N, C-alpha and C. Protein backbone atom coordinates (compact mmCIF):
# COMPACT_ATOMS: atom_id res chain seq x y z
N UNK A 1 74.79 154.86 36.57
CA UNK A 1 75.65 154.29 36.19
C UNK A 1 75.79 152.58 36.48
N UNK A 2 75.39 152.33 37.67
CA UNK A 2 75.34 150.69 38.08
C UNK A 2 74.10 150.23 37.39
N UNK A 3 72.92 150.88 37.52
CA UNK A 3 71.75 150.27 36.98
C UNK A 3 71.91 150.10 35.57
N UNK A 4 72.48 151.13 34.83
CA UNK A 4 72.53 150.96 33.47
C UNK A 4 73.61 149.66 33.01
N UNK A 5 74.55 149.63 33.65
CA UNK A 5 75.67 148.59 33.26
C UNK A 5 74.99 147.21 33.73
N UNK A 6 74.38 146.99 34.91
CA UNK A 6 73.87 145.75 35.13
C UNK A 6 72.69 145.24 34.41
N UNK A 7 71.94 146.44 33.79
CA UNK A 7 70.91 145.95 33.01
C UNK A 7 71.50 145.34 31.79
N UNK A 8 72.58 145.74 31.42
CA UNK A 8 73.07 145.35 30.10
C UNK A 8 73.76 143.81 30.13
N UNK A 9 74.38 143.72 31.18
CA UNK A 9 75.39 142.30 31.11
C UNK A 9 74.33 141.38 31.80
N UNK A 10 73.29 141.52 32.43
CA UNK A 10 72.34 140.60 32.89
C UNK A 10 73.10 139.39 33.74
N UNK A 11 73.53 139.72 34.81
CA UNK A 11 74.13 138.83 35.90
C UNK A 11 73.17 138.11 36.70
N UNK A 12 73.25 136.84 36.82
CA UNK A 12 72.04 136.10 37.38
C UNK A 12 72.04 136.20 39.03
N UNK A 13 73.21 136.89 39.39
CA UNK A 13 73.40 137.19 40.93
C UNK A 13 72.66 138.40 41.50
N UNK A 14 72.16 139.18 40.58
CA UNK A 14 71.56 140.57 40.88
C UNK A 14 69.98 140.49 40.69
N UNK A 15 69.27 141.47 41.44
CA UNK A 15 67.85 141.47 41.36
C UNK A 15 67.44 142.81 40.59
N UNK A 16 66.26 142.97 40.25
CA UNK A 16 65.81 144.23 39.85
C UNK A 16 65.87 145.22 40.78
N UNK A 17 66.30 146.47 40.41
CA UNK A 17 66.20 147.52 41.38
C UNK A 17 66.09 148.86 40.60
N UNK A 18 65.71 149.77 41.31
CA UNK A 18 65.41 151.16 41.19
C UNK A 18 66.06 152.30 41.96
N UNK A 19 66.95 153.04 41.36
CA UNK A 19 67.34 154.20 42.09
C UNK A 19 66.47 155.36 42.17
N UNK A 20 65.97 155.67 43.44
CA UNK A 20 64.92 157.01 43.46
C UNK A 20 65.70 158.01 44.19
N UNK A 21 66.14 159.35 43.58
CA UNK A 21 67.01 160.16 44.14
C UNK A 21 66.10 160.91 45.25
N UNK A 22 64.93 160.92 45.31
CA UNK A 22 64.16 161.49 46.43
C UNK A 22 63.25 160.40 47.12
N UNK A 23 63.60 159.29 47.31
CA UNK A 23 62.96 158.29 47.81
C UNK A 23 62.40 158.17 49.19
N UNK A 24 63.04 158.98 50.13
CA UNK A 24 62.61 159.04 51.41
C UNK A 24 62.54 160.55 52.01
N UNK A 25 61.69 160.83 52.51
CA UNK A 25 61.24 162.26 53.12
C UNK A 25 61.45 162.05 54.73
N UNK A 26 62.50 162.78 55.07
CA UNK A 26 62.59 162.72 56.58
C UNK A 26 62.98 164.18 57.08
N UNK A 27 62.05 164.58 58.01
CA UNK A 27 62.15 165.81 58.58
C UNK A 27 62.23 167.03 57.46
N UNK A 28 61.55 166.76 56.54
CA UNK A 28 61.65 167.82 55.42
C UNK A 28 62.68 167.73 54.52
N UNK A 29 63.54 166.76 54.62
CA UNK A 29 64.69 166.38 53.46
C UNK A 29 64.69 165.22 53.08
N UNK A 30 64.78 165.26 51.70
CA UNK A 30 64.67 164.20 50.89
C UNK A 30 66.08 163.56 50.85
N UNK A 31 65.93 162.00 50.80
CA UNK A 31 67.19 161.25 50.61
C UNK A 31 66.99 160.15 49.69
N UNK A 32 68.01 159.92 49.06
CA UNK A 32 67.98 158.81 47.96
C UNK A 32 67.91 157.39 48.59
N UNK A 33 67.10 156.63 47.82
CA UNK A 33 67.09 155.19 48.27
C UNK A 33 67.19 154.34 47.03
N UNK A 34 67.49 153.05 47.21
CA UNK A 34 67.54 151.92 46.10
C UNK A 34 66.35 151.02 46.55
N UNK A 35 65.53 150.89 45.62
CA UNK A 35 64.32 150.04 45.72
C UNK A 35 64.56 148.89 45.04
N UNK A 36 64.50 147.76 45.85
CA UNK A 36 64.92 146.40 45.04
C UNK A 36 63.86 145.28 45.16
N UNK A 37 63.88 144.47 44.26
CA UNK A 37 62.91 143.21 44.26
C UNK A 37 63.23 142.58 45.54
N UNK A 38 62.34 141.82 46.06
CA UNK A 38 62.42 141.10 47.18
C UNK A 38 63.12 139.84 46.90
N UNK A 39 64.21 139.46 47.78
CA UNK A 39 64.81 138.09 47.49
C UNK A 39 64.21 136.98 48.48
N UNK A 40 63.64 135.91 47.94
CA UNK A 40 63.25 134.91 49.11
C UNK A 40 64.45 133.82 49.13
N UNK A 41 64.96 134.16 50.35
CA UNK A 41 66.00 133.17 50.66
C UNK A 41 66.40 133.74 52.18
N UNK A 42 67.63 133.17 52.41
CA UNK A 42 68.08 133.41 53.66
C UNK A 42 69.72 134.07 53.49
N UNK A 43 70.12 134.76 54.69
CA UNK A 43 71.36 135.35 54.41
C UNK A 43 72.47 134.11 54.41
N UNK A 44 73.50 134.43 53.90
CA UNK A 44 74.52 133.33 53.74
C UNK A 44 74.91 132.81 54.91
N UNK A 45 75.12 133.47 56.04
CA UNK A 45 75.46 132.90 57.30
C UNK A 45 74.30 131.92 57.86
N UNK A 46 73.05 132.45 57.74
CA UNK A 46 71.93 131.68 58.28
C UNK A 46 71.84 130.40 57.52
N UNK A 47 72.01 130.42 56.12
CA UNK A 47 72.02 129.36 55.28
C UNK A 47 73.11 128.38 55.78
N UNK A 48 74.37 128.83 55.82
CA UNK A 48 75.48 127.85 56.22
C UNK A 48 75.29 127.25 57.65
N UNK A 49 74.65 127.84 58.61
CA UNK A 49 74.39 127.39 59.82
C UNK A 49 73.37 126.27 59.52
N UNK A 50 72.47 126.44 58.95
CA UNK A 50 71.37 125.43 58.83
C UNK A 50 71.84 124.15 57.89
N UNK A 51 72.76 124.40 57.10
CA UNK A 51 73.29 123.14 56.40
C UNK A 51 74.76 122.91 56.77
N UNK A 52 75.27 123.34 57.84
CA UNK A 52 76.53 122.97 58.14
C UNK A 52 76.94 121.56 58.34
N UNK A 53 76.06 120.54 58.61
CA UNK A 53 76.39 119.24 58.71
C UNK A 53 76.37 118.56 57.25
N UNK A 54 76.05 119.25 56.28
CA UNK A 54 76.06 118.55 54.96
C UNK A 54 77.30 119.12 54.22
N UNK A 55 78.39 118.42 54.35
CA UNK A 55 79.77 118.78 53.91
C UNK A 55 79.63 119.02 52.46
N UNK A 56 79.00 118.10 51.57
CA UNK A 56 78.95 118.25 50.20
C UNK A 56 78.17 119.43 49.64
N UNK A 57 77.02 119.80 50.24
CA UNK A 57 76.43 120.91 50.16
C UNK A 57 77.13 122.29 50.50
N UNK A 58 77.88 122.07 51.48
CA UNK A 58 78.58 123.40 51.69
C UNK A 58 79.58 123.55 50.73
N UNK A 59 80.24 122.41 50.25
CA UNK A 59 81.46 122.46 49.14
C UNK A 59 80.87 123.00 47.81
N UNK A 60 79.63 122.70 47.61
CA UNK A 60 78.92 123.12 46.31
C UNK A 60 78.81 124.49 46.45
N UNK A 61 78.26 125.06 47.56
CA UNK A 61 78.17 126.30 47.81
C UNK A 61 79.39 127.25 47.47
N UNK A 62 80.70 126.82 48.10
CA UNK A 62 81.83 127.31 47.93
C UNK A 62 82.15 127.29 46.51
N UNK A 63 81.76 126.19 45.60
CA UNK A 63 82.13 126.25 44.31
C UNK A 63 81.39 127.27 43.47
N UNK A 64 80.24 127.46 43.94
CA UNK A 64 79.33 128.62 43.27
C UNK A 64 79.94 129.86 43.78
N UNK A 65 80.29 130.15 44.96
CA UNK A 65 80.68 131.27 45.46
C UNK A 65 82.04 131.70 44.62
N UNK A 66 82.78 130.70 44.27
CA UNK A 66 84.04 131.06 43.54
C UNK A 66 83.67 131.38 42.03
N UNK A 67 82.70 130.84 41.63
CA UNK A 67 82.04 131.17 40.27
C UNK A 67 81.33 132.45 40.24
N UNK A 68 80.87 132.77 41.17
CA UNK A 68 80.25 134.21 41.11
C UNK A 68 81.27 135.23 41.38
N UNK A 69 82.43 135.03 42.14
CA UNK A 69 83.24 135.96 42.37
C UNK A 69 84.03 136.39 40.96
N UNK A 70 84.33 135.01 40.21
CA UNK A 70 85.07 134.94 39.04
C UNK A 70 84.24 135.74 37.84
N UNK A 71 82.95 135.41 37.84
CA UNK A 71 82.06 136.12 36.99
C UNK A 71 82.00 137.72 37.24
N UNK A 72 81.84 138.02 38.30
CA UNK A 72 81.92 139.57 38.45
C UNK A 72 83.06 140.13 38.08
N UNK A 73 84.24 139.62 38.46
CA UNK A 73 85.61 140.01 38.12
C UNK A 73 85.81 139.96 36.44
N UNK A 74 85.35 138.95 35.93
CA UNK A 74 85.42 138.71 34.38
C UNK A 74 84.71 139.71 33.54
N UNK A 75 83.61 140.41 34.36
CA UNK A 75 82.92 141.41 33.77
C UNK A 75 83.38 142.80 34.13
N UNK A 76 84.35 142.95 34.94
CA UNK A 76 84.88 144.12 35.52
C UNK A 76 83.92 144.81 36.58
N UNK A 77 83.27 144.03 37.23
CA UNK A 77 82.17 144.56 38.25
C UNK A 77 82.78 143.95 39.46
N UNK A 78 82.34 144.81 40.56
CA UNK A 78 82.54 144.50 41.94
C UNK A 78 81.40 144.96 42.71
N UNK A 79 80.86 143.91 43.48
CA UNK A 79 79.74 144.37 44.43
C UNK A 79 80.22 145.20 45.46
N UNK A 80 81.60 145.26 45.92
CA UNK A 80 82.35 146.06 46.65
C UNK A 80 81.80 146.20 48.07
N UNK A 81 80.77 145.34 48.58
CA UNK A 81 80.42 145.14 49.94
C UNK A 81 80.20 143.73 50.33
N UNK A 82 80.87 142.81 49.71
CA UNK A 82 80.34 141.57 50.06
C UNK A 82 80.51 141.12 51.47
N UNK A 83 79.49 140.61 51.95
CA UNK A 83 79.28 140.42 53.39
C UNK A 83 78.09 139.56 53.79
N UNK A 84 78.14 139.00 54.87
CA UNK A 84 76.90 138.11 55.27
C UNK A 84 75.61 138.77 55.01
N UNK A 85 75.45 139.97 55.42
CA UNK A 85 73.98 140.63 55.13
C UNK A 85 73.67 140.86 53.79
N UNK A 86 74.62 140.93 52.95
CA UNK A 86 74.26 141.37 51.46
C UNK A 86 74.30 140.35 50.60
N UNK A 87 74.54 138.84 51.11
CA UNK A 87 74.65 137.79 50.18
C UNK A 87 73.48 136.90 50.56
N UNK A 88 72.49 136.80 49.64
CA UNK A 88 71.25 135.88 50.12
C UNK A 88 71.45 134.42 49.37
N UNK A 89 71.07 133.46 49.80
CA UNK A 89 70.98 131.99 49.33
C UNK A 89 69.59 131.78 49.29
N UNK A 90 69.24 131.29 47.89
CA UNK A 90 67.89 131.13 47.64
C UNK A 90 67.33 129.46 47.85
N UNK A 91 66.25 129.23 47.77
CA UNK A 91 65.81 127.82 48.26
C UNK A 91 66.71 126.77 47.35
N UNK A 92 66.85 127.11 46.08
CA UNK A 92 67.74 126.13 45.12
C UNK A 92 69.26 126.45 45.23
N UNK A 93 69.65 127.16 46.35
CA UNK A 93 71.23 127.26 46.68
C UNK A 93 71.87 128.25 45.69
N UNK A 94 71.18 129.13 44.97
CA UNK A 94 72.00 130.10 44.21
C UNK A 94 72.04 131.38 45.16
N UNK A 95 72.95 132.30 44.69
CA UNK A 95 73.25 133.38 45.30
C UNK A 95 72.51 134.66 44.61
N UNK A 96 72.11 135.48 45.54
CA UNK A 96 71.44 136.68 45.05
C UNK A 96 72.13 138.01 45.90
N UNK A 97 72.69 138.87 45.29
CA UNK A 97 73.51 140.02 45.90
C UNK A 97 72.39 141.05 46.12
N UNK A 98 72.34 141.77 47.18
CA UNK A 98 71.57 142.80 47.48
C UNK A 98 72.53 144.08 48.02
N UNK A 99 72.00 145.20 48.12
CA UNK A 99 72.68 146.30 48.66
C UNK A 99 73.86 146.76 47.60
N UNK A 100 73.46 147.49 46.74
CA UNK A 100 74.42 147.84 45.49
C UNK A 100 74.84 149.19 45.53
N UNK A 101 74.54 149.91 46.48
CA UNK A 101 75.17 151.38 46.71
C UNK A 101 76.63 151.42 46.71
N UNK A 102 77.39 150.68 47.03
CA UNK A 102 78.81 150.68 46.82
C UNK A 102 79.42 149.95 45.67
N UNK A 103 78.66 149.57 44.76
CA UNK A 103 79.33 148.71 43.39
C UNK A 103 80.10 149.56 42.75
N UNK A 104 80.98 148.60 41.95
CA UNK A 104 81.73 149.29 40.87
C UNK A 104 81.49 148.74 39.77
N UNK A 105 81.30 149.69 38.73
CA UNK A 105 81.31 149.17 37.25
C UNK A 105 82.18 149.86 36.34
N UNK A 106 82.64 149.55 35.24
CA UNK A 106 83.77 150.27 34.45
C UNK A 106 83.57 151.64 34.27
N UNK A 107 82.45 152.05 34.11
CA UNK A 107 82.15 153.63 33.90
C UNK A 107 82.57 154.45 35.17
N UNK A 108 82.80 153.88 36.08
CA UNK A 108 83.23 154.55 37.45
C UNK A 108 84.70 154.49 37.63
N UNK A 109 85.41 154.14 36.69
CA UNK A 109 86.96 154.15 36.75
C UNK A 109 87.39 155.68 37.14
N UNK A 110 88.29 155.52 38.08
CA UNK A 110 88.85 156.80 38.41
C UNK A 110 88.10 157.55 39.70
N UNK A 111 87.03 156.95 39.86
CA UNK A 111 86.13 157.62 41.16
C UNK A 111 86.66 156.95 42.21
N UNK A 112 86.14 157.78 43.56
CA UNK A 112 86.36 157.13 44.82
C UNK A 112 85.31 156.15 45.13
N UNK A 113 85.51 155.31 46.06
CA UNK A 113 84.53 154.52 46.50
C UNK A 113 83.52 155.15 47.40
N UNK A 114 82.05 155.04 47.14
CA UNK A 114 81.13 155.65 47.90
C UNK A 114 81.02 155.07 49.32
N UNK A 115 81.42 154.08 49.46
CA UNK A 115 81.56 153.41 50.94
C UNK A 115 82.63 152.42 50.85
N UNK A 116 82.88 152.06 52.22
CA UNK A 116 84.25 151.03 52.39
C UNK A 116 83.62 149.64 52.65
N UNK A 117 82.65 149.36 52.78
CA UNK A 117 82.21 147.71 52.93
C UNK A 117 82.20 147.39 54.35
N UNK A 118 82.10 146.26 54.79
CA UNK A 118 81.96 145.56 56.11
C UNK A 118 83.51 145.36 56.50
N UNK A 119 83.85 145.78 57.63
CA UNK A 119 85.40 145.66 57.89
C UNK A 119 85.77 144.26 58.24
N UNK A 120 84.71 143.22 58.58
CA UNK A 120 85.07 141.92 58.75
C UNK A 120 85.46 141.08 57.41
N UNK A 121 84.98 141.75 56.49
CA UNK A 121 85.06 141.15 54.95
C UNK A 121 86.28 141.68 54.14
N UNK A 122 86.75 142.92 54.61
CA UNK A 122 87.38 143.73 53.67
C UNK A 122 88.96 143.73 54.12
N UNK A 123 89.89 143.90 52.88
CA UNK A 123 91.37 144.03 53.37
C UNK A 123 91.46 145.16 54.37
N UNK A 124 92.30 145.12 55.17
CA UNK A 124 92.61 146.05 56.26
C UNK A 124 93.03 147.46 55.64
N UNK A 125 93.66 147.39 54.35
CA UNK A 125 94.16 148.64 53.75
C UNK A 125 93.17 149.01 52.74
N UNK A 126 92.04 148.74 52.74
CA UNK A 126 91.09 149.18 51.78
C UNK A 126 90.73 150.77 52.18
N UNK A 127 90.71 151.50 51.23
CA UNK A 127 90.29 152.79 51.28
C UNK A 127 89.48 153.33 50.30
N UNK A 128 88.97 154.73 50.10
CA UNK A 128 88.13 155.24 49.21
C UNK A 128 89.02 155.17 47.84
N UNK A 129 90.04 155.24 47.87
CA UNK A 129 90.88 155.45 46.67
C UNK A 129 91.03 154.02 45.98
N UNK A 130 90.88 152.98 46.77
CA UNK A 130 91.01 151.47 46.21
C UNK A 130 89.57 151.20 45.77
N UNK A 131 89.31 151.49 44.65
CA UNK A 131 87.91 151.23 43.84
C UNK A 131 88.08 150.79 42.57
N UNK A 132 87.85 149.54 42.34
CA UNK A 132 87.92 148.89 41.00
C UNK A 132 87.56 147.61 41.06
N UNK A 133 87.66 147.07 39.75
CA UNK A 133 86.84 145.60 39.63
C UNK A 133 87.35 144.58 40.58
N UNK A 134 88.66 144.74 41.16
CA UNK A 134 89.28 143.72 42.13
C UNK A 134 88.81 143.86 43.50
N UNK A 135 87.86 144.78 43.80
CA UNK A 135 87.26 144.84 45.34
C UNK A 135 86.71 143.59 45.88
N UNK A 136 86.15 142.68 45.11
CA UNK A 136 85.71 141.44 45.60
C UNK A 136 86.76 140.44 45.69
N UNK A 137 87.88 140.64 45.45
CA UNK A 137 88.95 139.48 45.41
C UNK A 137 88.99 139.16 47.07
N UNK A 138 89.42 140.08 47.56
CA UNK A 138 89.69 139.81 49.19
C UNK A 138 88.48 139.13 49.90
N UNK A 139 87.22 139.75 49.95
CA UNK A 139 86.22 139.05 50.53
C UNK A 139 85.70 137.97 49.92
N UNK A 140 86.10 137.61 48.50
CA UNK A 140 85.87 136.31 47.89
C UNK A 140 86.69 135.38 48.47
N UNK A 141 87.79 135.54 48.51
CA UNK A 141 88.65 134.58 49.54
C UNK A 141 88.25 134.35 50.78
N UNK A 142 87.78 135.23 51.54
CA UNK A 142 87.25 135.25 53.06
C UNK A 142 86.12 134.29 53.08
N UNK A 143 85.13 134.53 52.05
CA UNK A 143 83.99 133.79 51.99
C UNK A 143 84.23 132.26 51.55
N UNK A 144 85.18 132.08 50.66
CA UNK A 144 85.44 130.79 50.00
C UNK A 144 86.15 129.96 50.97
N UNK A 145 87.13 130.35 51.69
CA UNK A 145 87.90 129.79 52.72
C UNK A 145 87.14 129.58 53.81
N UNK A 146 86.38 130.40 54.23
CA UNK A 146 85.14 130.20 55.27
C UNK A 146 84.29 128.91 55.04
N UNK A 147 83.72 128.68 53.80
CA UNK A 147 82.91 127.84 53.55
C UNK A 147 83.66 126.40 53.45
N UNK A 148 84.79 126.50 52.87
CA UNK A 148 85.59 125.07 52.91
C UNK A 148 86.04 124.66 54.25
N UNK A 149 86.39 125.70 55.14
CA UNK A 149 86.51 125.33 56.48
C UNK A 149 85.47 124.78 57.20
N UNK A 150 84.14 125.25 56.95
CA UNK A 150 82.94 124.60 57.62
C UNK A 150 82.48 123.43 56.99
N UNK A 151 82.82 123.30 55.74
CA UNK A 151 82.70 121.76 55.01
C UNK A 151 83.57 120.92 55.67
N UNK A 152 84.81 121.11 56.03
CA UNK A 152 85.77 120.23 56.68
C UNK A 152 85.46 120.00 58.32
N UNK A 153 84.97 121.17 58.90
CA UNK A 153 84.87 120.91 60.25
C UNK A 153 83.66 121.84 60.80
N UNK A 154 82.35 121.24 60.69
CA UNK A 154 81.14 122.21 60.83
C UNK A 154 81.08 122.99 62.14
N UNK A 155 81.56 122.53 63.24
CA UNK A 155 81.80 123.04 64.58
C UNK A 155 82.47 124.48 64.45
N UNK A 156 83.33 124.73 63.36
CA UNK A 156 83.96 126.12 63.27
C UNK A 156 82.80 127.29 63.48
N UNK A 157 81.84 126.99 62.59
CA UNK A 157 80.81 128.11 62.57
C UNK A 157 80.07 128.22 63.93
N UNK A 158 80.01 127.36 64.98
CA UNK A 158 79.49 127.53 66.06
C UNK A 158 80.47 128.11 66.95
N UNK A 159 81.74 128.03 66.74
CA UNK A 159 82.73 128.54 67.68
C UNK A 159 83.01 130.10 67.20
N UNK A 160 83.14 130.25 66.02
CA UNK A 160 83.86 131.52 65.34
C UNK A 160 82.75 132.46 64.80
N UNK A 161 81.62 132.03 64.55
CA UNK A 161 80.61 133.00 63.58
C UNK A 161 80.13 133.92 64.89
N UNK A 162 80.21 135.38 64.43
CA UNK A 162 79.44 136.28 65.41
C UNK A 162 78.49 137.02 64.71
N UNK A 163 77.94 136.40 63.56
CA UNK A 163 76.80 137.04 62.66
C UNK A 163 77.49 138.44 61.93
N UNK A 164 78.73 138.49 62.11
CA UNK A 164 79.24 139.56 61.38
C UNK A 164 80.40 138.95 60.40
N UNK A 165 80.39 137.67 60.32
CA UNK A 165 81.27 137.03 59.61
C UNK A 165 80.65 135.48 59.37
N UNK A 166 81.46 134.71 58.79
CA UNK A 166 81.08 133.14 58.66
C UNK A 166 81.96 132.65 59.78
N UNK A 167 83.28 132.69 59.46
CA UNK A 167 84.20 132.14 60.63
C UNK A 167 85.52 133.04 60.69
N UNK A 168 85.77 133.74 59.55
CA UNK A 168 86.94 134.69 59.68
C UNK A 168 86.50 135.88 59.90
C-alpha cells in the first residue's frame, strides 16, 4: 500500500525502497524487511549540531521542515515516526525520510497503526487507534519549535539534546 502510493505521488522527501516479505532468514524463520536506497547525509540532530552557530541556516531548515510537514499532510500522508534517526539532511540541506514501516497513506484508512513511533517525538496520548494523515502534526511542531529555538539560542542543543531529541 505504501510503496504503491508513494510511487504515484513522487514526494521529494522519500527514497526508492522495496518491501521484501522474506528478506531476512534468522533461525530458520523468514522476516520481512524494507530495502531502501542509501541516503548520503546526516541525521537531523547531527546536522543541527554541526550548523548550530549559523542561525540563518537553521531558520532555513526550519522553513523547509514546515514545508515538508505541510506537503505530507496536504497529500494525506504521514511518516508516522518522525524523529532524529528517521530524518536525514543531505549536503544541499534537503530532507530525506527513511524507515517507512509505520507510514500512513489514504488506502490505510480505518486500520490500526503498525507501530507507535518514538516517544520523545509523539503526542503522549498517541495509540494504535490514532492512525491517520494528521500523525506528523505533533512531531512536526516538536521539530519546528526545536529548530527555531536552536536558531535563537544555539547553546540549547548542547544543554538539552540527548540524541533522542533535538531539544524537546
